[in-house]
Amino acid sequence: MASLLKALKLTKGVLVVAGKMDRNLRLACQNLPGVEAVAADAVNVYQMMRYPVILADRAGIEKLTARLASDAA
């Protein structure tokens, strides 16, 4: 995870939104300062407003979009 963030030139303030949270992703992010990992079905508004950068996988985007669409209806 550190090498990915470095390649993207993201150093602090990153929220990683995953379609499915797994142990490896959680462990990869927990020791990086300013980086928080969360499952798309558990992310909240405070987390999304707190971090200037949101990095998500395709499944995370799909789940988040579906969740927001169902809340708007």
C-alpha atoms as a PDB file:
ATOM      1  CA  MET A   1       0.000   0.000   0.000  1.00  0.00           C
ATOM      2  CA  ALA A   2       2.828   2.392   0.832  1.00  0.00           C
ATOM      3  CA  SER A   3       4.378   1.944  -2.607  1.00  0.00           C
ATOM      4  CA  LEU A   4       1.010   2.547  -4.324  1.00  0.00           C
ATOM      5  CA  LEU A   5       0.427   5.749  -2.377  1.00  0.00           C
ATOM      6  CA  LYS A   6       3.978   6.877  -3.117  1.00  0.00           C
ATOM      7  CA  ALA A   7       3.547   6.173  -6.842  1.00  0.00           C
ATOM      8  CA  LEU A   8       0.332   8.222  -6.831  1.00  0.00           C
ATOM      9  CA  LYS A   9       2.132  10.961  -4.844  1.00  0.00           C
ATOM     10  CA  LEU A  10      -0.355  10.691  -1.994  1.00  0.00           C
ATOM     11  CA  THR A  11       1.351  11.171   1.336  1.00  0.00           C
ATOM     12  CA  LYS A  12      -1.331  12.049   3.887  1.00  0.00           C
ATOM     13  CA  GLY A  13      -5.065  12.312   4.219  1.00  0.00           C
ATOM     14  CA  VAL A  14      -6.198   9.273   2.241  1.00  0.00           C
ATOM     15  CA  LEU A  15      -9.383   7.297   2.827  1.00  0.00           C
ATOM     16  CA  VAL A  16      -9.190   3.862   1.192  1.00  0.00           C
ATOM     17  CA  VAL A  17     -12.671   2.548   0.396  1.00  0.00           C
ATOM     18  CA  ALA A  18     -12.831  -1.145  -0.466  1.00  0.00           C
ATOM     19  CA  GLY A  19     -15.697  -3.224  -1.729  1.00  0.00           C
ATOM     20  CA  LYS A  20     -14.649  -5.918   0.705  1.00  0.00           C
ATOM     21  CA  MET A  21     -12.364  -5.243   3.645  1.00  0.00           C
ATOM     22  CA  ASP A  22      -9.823  -7.960   4.174  1.00  0.00           C
ATOM     23  CA  ARG A  23      -7.131  -8.485   6.761  1.00  0.00           C
ATOM     24  CA  ASN A  24      -4.247  -7.660   4.421  1.00  0.00           C
ATOM     25  CA  LEU A  25      -5.684  -4.294   3.395  1.00  0.00           C
ATOM     26  CA  ARG A  26      -6.414  -3.370   6.999  1.00  0.00           C
ATOM     27  CA  LEU A  27      -2.885  -4.300   8.073  1.00  0.00           C
ATOM     28  CA  ALA A  28      -1.317  -2.496   5.105  1.00  0.00           C
ATOM     29  CA  CYS A  29      -3.076   0.758   5.974  1.00  0.00           C
ATOM     30  CA  GLN A  30      -3.032   0.768   9.760  1.00  0.00           C
ATOM     31  CA  ASN A  31       0.629   1.755  10.114  1.00  0.00           C
ATOM     32  CA  LEU A  32       0.533   4.500   7.503  1.00  0.00           C
ATOM     33  CA  PRO A  33       0.008   7.927   9.048  1.00  0.00           C
ATOM     34  CA  GLY A  34      -3.038   9.758   7.718  1.00  0.00           C
ATOM     35  CA  VAL A  35      -4.433   6.693   5.936  1.00  0.00           C
ATOM     36  CA  GLU A  36      -7.637   4.933   6.935  1.00  0.00           C
ATOM     37  CA  ALA A  37      -9.187   1.881   5.278  1.00  0.00           C
ATOM     38  CA  VAL A  38     -12.899   1.179   5.426  1.00  0.00           C
ATOM     39  CA  ALA A  39     -15.412  -1.078   3.684  1.00  0.00           C
ATOM     40  CA  ALA A  40     -17.796   0.719   1.322  1.00  0.00           C
ATOM     41  CA  ASP A  41     -20.827  -0.489   3.254  1.00  0.00           C
ATOM     42  CA  ALA A  42     -19.419   0.935   6.514  1.00  0.00           C
ATOM     43  CA  VAL A  43     -18.049   4.308   5.392  1.00  0.00           C
ATOM     44  CA  ASN A  44     -19.726   7.352   6.903  1.00  0.00           C
ATOM     45  CA  VAL A  45     -20.045  11.020   5.986  1.00  0.00           C
ATOM     46  CA  TYR A  46     -17.519  12.145   8.600  1.00  0.00           C
ATOM     47  CA  GLN A  47     -14.845   9.914   7.071  1.00  0.00           C
ATOM     48  CA  MET A  48     -15.581  11.137   3.561  1.00  0.00           C
ATOM     49  CA  MET A  49     -15.402  14.789   4.605  1.00  0.00           C
ATOM     50  CA  ARG A  50     -12.325  14.354   6.802  1.00  0.00           C
ATOM     51  CA  TYR A  51      -9.988  13.063   4.096  1.00  0.00           C
ATOM     52  CA  PRO A  52      -9.080  15.214   1.082  1.00  0.00           C
ATOM     53  CA  VAL A  53      -8.403  12.109  -1.060  1.00  0.00           C
ATOM     54  CA  ILE A  54     -10.619   9.047  -1.408  1.00  0.00           C
ATOM     55  CA  LEU A  55      -9.006   6.036  -3.055  1.00  0.00           C
ATOM     56  CA  ALA A  56     -11.471   3.271  -3.950  1.00  0.00           C
ATOM     57  CA  ASP A  57     -11.498   0.028  -5.864  1.00  0.00           C
ATOM     58  CA  ARG A  58     -14.156  -0.709  -8.477  1.00  0.00           C
ATOM     59  CA  ALA A  59     -16.278  -2.779  -6.072  1.00  0.00           C
ATOM     60  CA  GLY A  60     -16.074  -0.011  -3.481  1.00  0.00           C
ATOM     61  CA  ILE A  61     -17.309   2.591  -5.972  1.00  0.00           C
ATOM     62  CA  GLU A  62     -20.177   0.336  -7.070  1.00  0.00           C
ATOM     63  CA  LYS A  63     -21.291  -0.367  -3.496  1.00  0.00           C
ATOM     64  CA  LEU A  64     -20.991   3.271  -2.489  1.00  0.00           C
ATOM     65  CA  THR A  65     -22.940   4.425  -5.558  1.00  0.00           C
ATOM     66  CA  ALA A  66     -25.702   1.899  -4.884  1.00  0.00           C
ATOM     67  CA  ARG A  67     -25.826   2.917  -1.240  1.00  0.00           C
ATOM     68  CA  LEU A  68     -26.088   6.617  -2.060  1.00  0.00           C
ATOM     69  CA  ALA A  69     -28.739   5.980  -4.719  1.00  0.00           C
ATOM     70  CA  SER A  70     -30.887   4.014  -2.275  1.00  0.00           C
ATOM     71  CA  ASP A  71     -30.583   6.784   0.342  1.00  0.00           C
ATOM     72  CA  ALA A  72     -31.715   9.408  -2.186  1.00  0.00           C
ATOM     73  CA  ALA A  73     -34.901   7.524  -3.099  1.00  0.00           C
END
